[in-house]
C-alpha cells in the first residue's frame, strides 16, 4: 500500500529554490517532470544525431528510422494538418513534443519508486495553460485582437443577446481547457487508486485467501495502465490540436 501511495501523493524533498522572489519547493512530482523532460530532450537529441548521419532520403532505411518517421507522420496527418491547416508545418514539433512529454510522465508512474507527474493537477493545468496561450496567441496574430474576440459572438445574433452570449462563449472556451487538464489528471490518478483499492482488500478481509485475487487483478490493471498512458497522451494532443484549430478556423 505504501508503494501505491508513493505513486499518488506528492511530497517535498525539503529543498527550496528562490525564483523571482518566490520560494519554490522541490517536490517529487516536480522531479518526475524534470526527469521526463530530460528523457524527451535526450531522445530528440539522439534522433537528431541518428538522422544527421544519413542523407535527406536515405536508402536503405532501417526499421528504427521507419518507426520514428511513421510516428511523426501519424501526429502530423491525424492531428496537426486536419486542424491547423496551413499552420501545420510550424507547429508539428510542438505537438510531437507535447505527446512525448505526456507519455514519458505517464510511463514514469509505472516505474518502481517513480510517480506520474500527470497525476498532479498543477502539472496538467500547466500543460493545458500552454495550449491555451498558444491558441489565443495564434488567434490574435492571425485574426487580430478584435477579430479574435468577434468569433465568440455567433453571426446574426440579435444585439441585446450579444453581451450574454459573449460571456457564455468565453466561459465555455475557458472550461474546455480546464476539462482538458482535469481529464488527464483524473484518468492517471484513477488507475493507481483502483490498484490501491484491490490491494486494500487483503487488509480489509484479513485473510491470505484474498491475496491471489487482489494481487492478480492489481497486476492486470497495471498492464492496462500502460495502454492508458498512451491513450491519454493521444487524447490530450488530439483535443489540444482541435482547440487550437477551432481558434484558427472558427468557421469550421
Protein backbone atom coordinates (compact mmCIF):
# COMPACT_ATOMS: atom_id res chain seq x y z
CA UNK A 1 0.00 0.00 0.00
CA UNK A 2 2.86 2.36 0.81
CA UNK A 3 4.23 1.82 -2.70
CA UNK A 4 0.92 2.79 -4.32
CA UNK A 5 0.52 5.81 -2.05
CA UNK A 6 4.03 6.85 -3.04
CA UNK A 7 2.88 6.97 -6.67
CA UNK A 8 -0.22 9.02 -5.84
CA UNK A 9 0.83 11.57 -3.26
CA UNK A 10 3.30 14.40 -3.71
CA UNK A 11 5.88 15.37 -1.13
CA UNK A 12 8.61 17.94 -0.72
CA UNK A 13 12.27 16.99 -0.50
CA UNK A 14 12.97 19.92 1.81
CA UNK A 15 14.88 21.84 -0.88
CA UNK A 16 13.65 25.31 -1.80
CA UNK A 17 14.69 27.27 -4.89
CA UNK A 18 14.17 31.02 -4.98
CA UNK A 19 12.91 32.24 -8.36
CA UNK A 20 11.96 35.89 -8.92
CA UNK A 21 11.49 36.36 -5.19
CA UNK A 22 9.30 33.27 -4.81
CA UNK A 23 10.30 30.23 -2.75
CA UNK A 24 9.59 27.14 -4.82
CA UNK A 25 9.92 23.78 -3.04
CA UNK A 26 11.38 20.85 -4.96
CA UNK A 27 8.73 18.11 -4.83
CA UNK A 28 8.56 14.54 -6.09
CA UNK A 29 6.22 15.35 -8.97
CA UNK A 30 8.39 18.28 -10.00
CA UNK A 31 11.38 15.94 -10.09
CA UNK A 32 9.41 13.47 -12.23
CA UNK A 33 8.53 16.33 -14.59
CA UNK A 34 12.21 17.25 -14.88
CA UNK A 35 13.21 13.63 -15.45
CA UNK A 36 10.54 13.19 -18.15
CA UNK A 37 11.70 16.41 -19.83
CA UNK A 38 15.32 15.23 -19.72
CA UNK A 39 14.33 11.88 -21.24
CA UNK A 40 12.42 13.57 -24.07
CA UNK A 41 15.26 16.01 -24.78
CA UNK A 42 17.80 13.18 -24.78
CA UNK A 43 15.59 11.13 -27.11
CA UNK A 44 15.18 14.04 -29.54
CA UNK A 45 18.91 14.71 -29.41
CA UNK A 46 19.62 11.07 -30.22
CA UNK A 47 17.15 11.14 -33.10
CA UNK A 48 18.71 14.32 -34.48
CA UNK A 49 22.14 12.68 -34.34
CA UNK A 50 20.83 9.45 -35.87
CA UNK A 51 19.18 11.17 -38.82
CA UNK A 52 22.03 13.63 -39.35
CA UNK A 53 24.31 10.71 -40.12
CA UNK A 54 22.21 9.87 -43.19
CA UNK A 55 21.28 11.77 -46.36
CA UNK A 56 17.93 13.52 -46.51
CA UNK A 57 16.23 10.48 -48.05
CA UNK A 58 18.41 7.53 -47.00
CA UNK A 59 18.27 4.15 -48.74
CA UNK A 60 18.04 1.60 -47.35
CA UNK A 61 16.20 2.90 -44.30
CA UNK A 62 16.44 0.95 -41.09
CA UNK A 63 13.48 -0.21 -39.03
CA UNK A 64 14.21 2.39 -36.38
CA UNK A 65 14.10 5.28 -38.86
CA UNK A 66 10.89 3.95 -40.40
CA UNK A 67 9.25 3.64 -36.99
CA UNK A 68 10.18 7.20 -35.98
CA UNK A 69 9.04 8.59 -39.34
CA UNK A 70 5.73 6.71 -39.07
CA UNK A 71 5.18 8.19 -35.60
CA UNK A 72 5.86 11.75 -36.82
CA UNK A 73 3.60 11.25 -39.82
CA UNK A 74 0.84 9.93 -37.57
CA UNK A 75 0.92 13.07 -35.39
CA UNK A 76 1.07 15.28 -38.48
CA UNK A 77 -1.66 13.57 -40.52
CA UNK A 78 -4.08 12.70 -37.71
CA UNK A 79 -3.86 15.84 -35.55
CA UNK A 80 -1.91 18.78 -36.90
CA UNK A 81 -2.79 19.02 -40.60
CA UNK A 82 -6.56 18.40 -40.28
CA UNK A 83 -6.90 21.01 -37.51
CA UNK A 84 -4.24 23.64 -38.19
CA UNK A 85 -4.23 23.58 -41.99
CA UNK A 86 -1.65 26.00 -43.43
CA UNK A 87 -0.07 26.48 -39.98
CA UNK A 88 0.58 22.77 -39.51
CA UNK A 89 4.25 22.72 -40.55
CA UNK A 90 5.27 25.32 -37.96
CA UNK A 91 3.57 23.64 -35.01
CA UNK A 92 4.04 19.95 -35.72
CA UNK A 93 7.17 19.85 -33.48
CA UNK A 94 5.17 21.35 -30.59
CA UNK A 95 2.51 18.65 -30.68
CA UNK A 96 5.08 15.87 -31.14
CA UNK A 97 6.99 17.16 -28.11
CA UNK A 98 3.75 17.51 -26.12
CA UNK A 99 2.76 13.91 -26.87
CA UNK A 100 6.20 12.59 -25.93
CA UNK A 101 6.37 14.59 -22.70
CA UNK A 102 2.94 13.44 -21.50
CA UNK A 103 3.72 9.84 -22.45
CA UNK A 104 7.05 9.97 -20.60
CA UNK A 105 5.39 11.35 -17.45
CA UNK A 106 2.64 8.73 -17.65
CA UNK A 107 5.08 5.84 -18.05
CA UNK A 108 7.32 7.06 -15.21
CA UNK A 109 4.36 6.39 -12.94
CA UNK A 110 4.76 2.69 -13.73
CA UNK A 111 8.42 2.60 -12.69
CA UNK A 112 9.03 1.28 -9.15
CA UNK A 113 9.89 4.24 -6.96
CA UNK A 114 8.63 6.68 -9.57
CA UNK A 115 5.44 8.69 -9.83
CA UNK A 116 3.21 10.02 -12.59
CA UNK A 117 3.57 13.80 -12.63
CA UNK A 118 0.35 13.90 -14.67
CA UNK A 119 -1.40 12.66 -11.53
CA UNK A 120 -0.86 16.17 -10.16
CA UNK A 121 -3.49 18.71 -11.18
CA UNK A 122 -0.92 21.51 -11.13
CA UNK A 123 1.09 19.75 -13.86
CA UNK A 124 -1.90 19.08 -16.11
CA UNK A 125 -3.13 22.65 -15.60
CA UNK A 126 0.27 23.86 -16.73
CA UNK A 127 0.03 21.74 -19.87
CA UNK A 128 -3.50 22.97 -20.60
CA UNK A 129 -2.40 26.57 -19.98
CA UNK A 130 0.37 26.14 -22.54
CA UNK A 131 -2.18 25.01 -25.13
CA UNK A 132 -4.47 27.91 -24.12
CA UNK A 133 -1.70 30.52 -24.54
CA UNK A 134 -0.69 29.03 -27.89
CA UNK A 135 -4.26 29.10 -29.19
CA UNK A 136 -5.02 32.64 -28.00
CA UNK A 137 -1.70 33.96 -29.30
CA UNK A 138 -2.26 32.44 -32.73
CA UNK A 139 -5.85 33.67 -32.78
CA UNK A 140 -4.78 37.25 -32.05
CA UNK A 141 -1.91 37.11 -34.58
CA UNK A 142 -3.96 35.57 -37.40
CA UNK A 143 -7.31 37.36 -36.87
CA UNK A 144 -6.26 40.43 -34.89
CA UNK A 145 -7.50 41.24 -31.35
CA UNK A 146 -10.95 42.36 -32.45
CA UNK A 147 -11.29 39.59 -34.99
CA UNK A 148 -10.37 37.02 -32.36
CA UNK A 149 -12.99 38.34 -29.92
CA UNK A 150 -15.55 38.64 -32.72
CA UNK A 151 -15.58 34.85 -33.15
CA UNK A 152 -17.06 34.48 -29.66
CA UNK A 153 -20.28 36.09 -30.90
CA UNK A 154 -22.39 33.96 -33.27
CA UNK A 155 -23.24 35.76 -36.50
CA UNK A 156 -26.81 37.01 -36.93
CA UNK A 157 -27.41 37.19 -33.17
CA UNK A 158 -29.80 39.99 -32.04
CA UNK A 159 -27.71 42.74 -30.43
CA UNK A 160 -29.44 42.57 -26.98
CA UNK A 161 -28.18 38.99 -26.65
CA UNK A 162 -24.61 39.76 -27.71
CA UNK A 163 -23.18 40.51 -24.21
CA UNK A 164 -24.87 37.45 -22.73
CA UNK A 165 -23.67 35.08 -25.44
CA UNK A 166 -20.18 36.61 -25.43
CA UNK A 167 -19.80 35.84 -21.72
CA UNK A 168 -21.14 32.31 -22.19
CA UNK A 169 -18.76 31.64 -25.09
CA UNK A 170 -15.78 32.92 -23.09
CA UNK A 171 -16.73 30.71 -20.13
CA UNK A 172 -17.13 27.71 -22.45
CA UNK A 173 -13.76 28.44 -24.04
CA UNK A 174 -12.06 28.51 -20.62
CA UNK A 175 -13.92 25.41 -19.44
CA UNK A 176 -12.73 23.36 -22.43
CA UNK A 177 -9.13 23.89 -21.41
CA UNK A 178 -9.91 23.28 -17.74
CA UNK A 179 -11.60 19.98 -18.59
CA UNK A 180 -8.58 19.10 -20.73
CA UNK A 181 -6.41 19.32 -17.60
CA UNK A 182 -8.87 17.54 -15.32
CA UNK A 183 -9.40 14.64 -17.77
CA UNK A 184 -5.69 13.80 -17.90
CA UNK A 185 -5.24 14.23 -14.14
CA UNK A 186 -8.28 12.14 -13.22
CA UNK A 187 -7.51 9.27 -15.58
CA UNK A 188 -3.89 8.92 -14.48
CA UNK A 189 -4.83 9.13 -10.80
CA UNK A 190 -7.74 6.71 -11.12
CA UNK A 191 -5.58 3.76 -12.19
CA UNK A 192 -3.40 3.94 -9.09
CA UNK A 193 -6.45 4.35 -6.86
CA UNK A 194 -8.05 1.23 -8.33
CA UNK A 195 -4.86 -0.76 -7.72
CA UNK A 196 -4.76 0.55 -4.15
CA UNK A 197 -8.40 -0.44 -3.62
CA UNK A 198 -7.77 -4.06 -4.66
CA UNK A 199 -4.64 -4.33 -2.51
CA UNK A 200 -6.56 -2.95 0.47
CA UNK A 201 -8.96 -5.89 0.20
CA UNK A 202 -6.23 -8.05 1.76
CA UNK A 203 -6.12 -5.97 4.94
CA UNK A 204 -9.89 -5.48 4.98
CA UNK A 205 -10.69 -9.21 4.93
CA UNK A 206 -7.52 -10.08 6.90
CA UNK A 207 -7.06 -13.38 5.10
CA UNK A 208 -4.39 -14.65 2.75
CA UNK A 209 -7.09 -16.27 0.59
CA UNK A 210 -7.96 -12.89 -0.90
CA UNK A 211 -4.34 -12.13 -1.79
CA UNK A 212 -4.10 -14.10 -5.09
CA UNK A 213 -7.21 -12.43 -6.49
CA UNK A 214 -6.30 -8.94 -5.26
CA UNK A 215 -2.71 -9.11 -6.45
CA UNK A 216 -3.71 -10.73 -9.76
CA UNK A 217 -6.25 -8.01 -10.54
CA UNK A 218 -3.79 -5.30 -9.44
CA UNK A 219 -1.14 -6.68 -11.80
CA UNK A 220 -3.66 -6.88 -14.66
CA UNK A 221 -4.68 -3.24 -14.09
CA UNK A 222 -1.01 -2.26 -14.01
CA UNK A 223 -0.58 -3.65 -17.53
CA UNK A 224 -3.77 -1.88 -18.56
CA UNK A 225 -2.29 1.39 -17.29
CA UNK A 226 0.48 1.12 -19.88
CA UNK A 227 -2.22 1.25 -22.58
CA UNK A 228 -3.92 4.11 -20.71
CA UNK A 229 -0.62 6.03 -20.63
CA UNK A 230 -0.52 6.00 -24.45
CA UNK A 231 -4.25 6.62 -24.77
CA UNK A 232 -4.27 9.69 -22.52
CA UNK A 233 -1.31 11.22 -24.33
CA UNK A 234 -3.18 10.61 -27.60
CA UNK A 235 -6.42 12.16 -26.32
CA UNK A 236 -4.70 15.21 -24.82
CA UNK A 237 -2.80 16.02 -28.02
CA UNK A 238 -5.84 15.32 -30.20
CA UNK A 239 -8.03 17.71 -28.19
CA UNK A 240 -5.25 20.30 -27.94
CA UNK A 241 -4.79 20.43 -31.70
CA UNK A 242 -8.57 20.55 -32.12
CA UNK A 243 -8.92 23.52 -29.75
CA UNK A 244 -6.11 25.43 -31.46
CA UNK A 245 -7.60 24.60 -34.86
CA UNK A 246 -11.02 25.89 -33.76
CA UNK A 247 -9.43 29.23 -32.92
CA UNK A 248 -7.60 29.44 -36.25
CA UNK A 249 -10.59 28.24 -38.27
CA UNK A 250 -13.73 29.19 -36.29
CA UNK A 251 -15.87 28.84 -39.42
CA UNK A 252 -15.35 25.04 -39.47
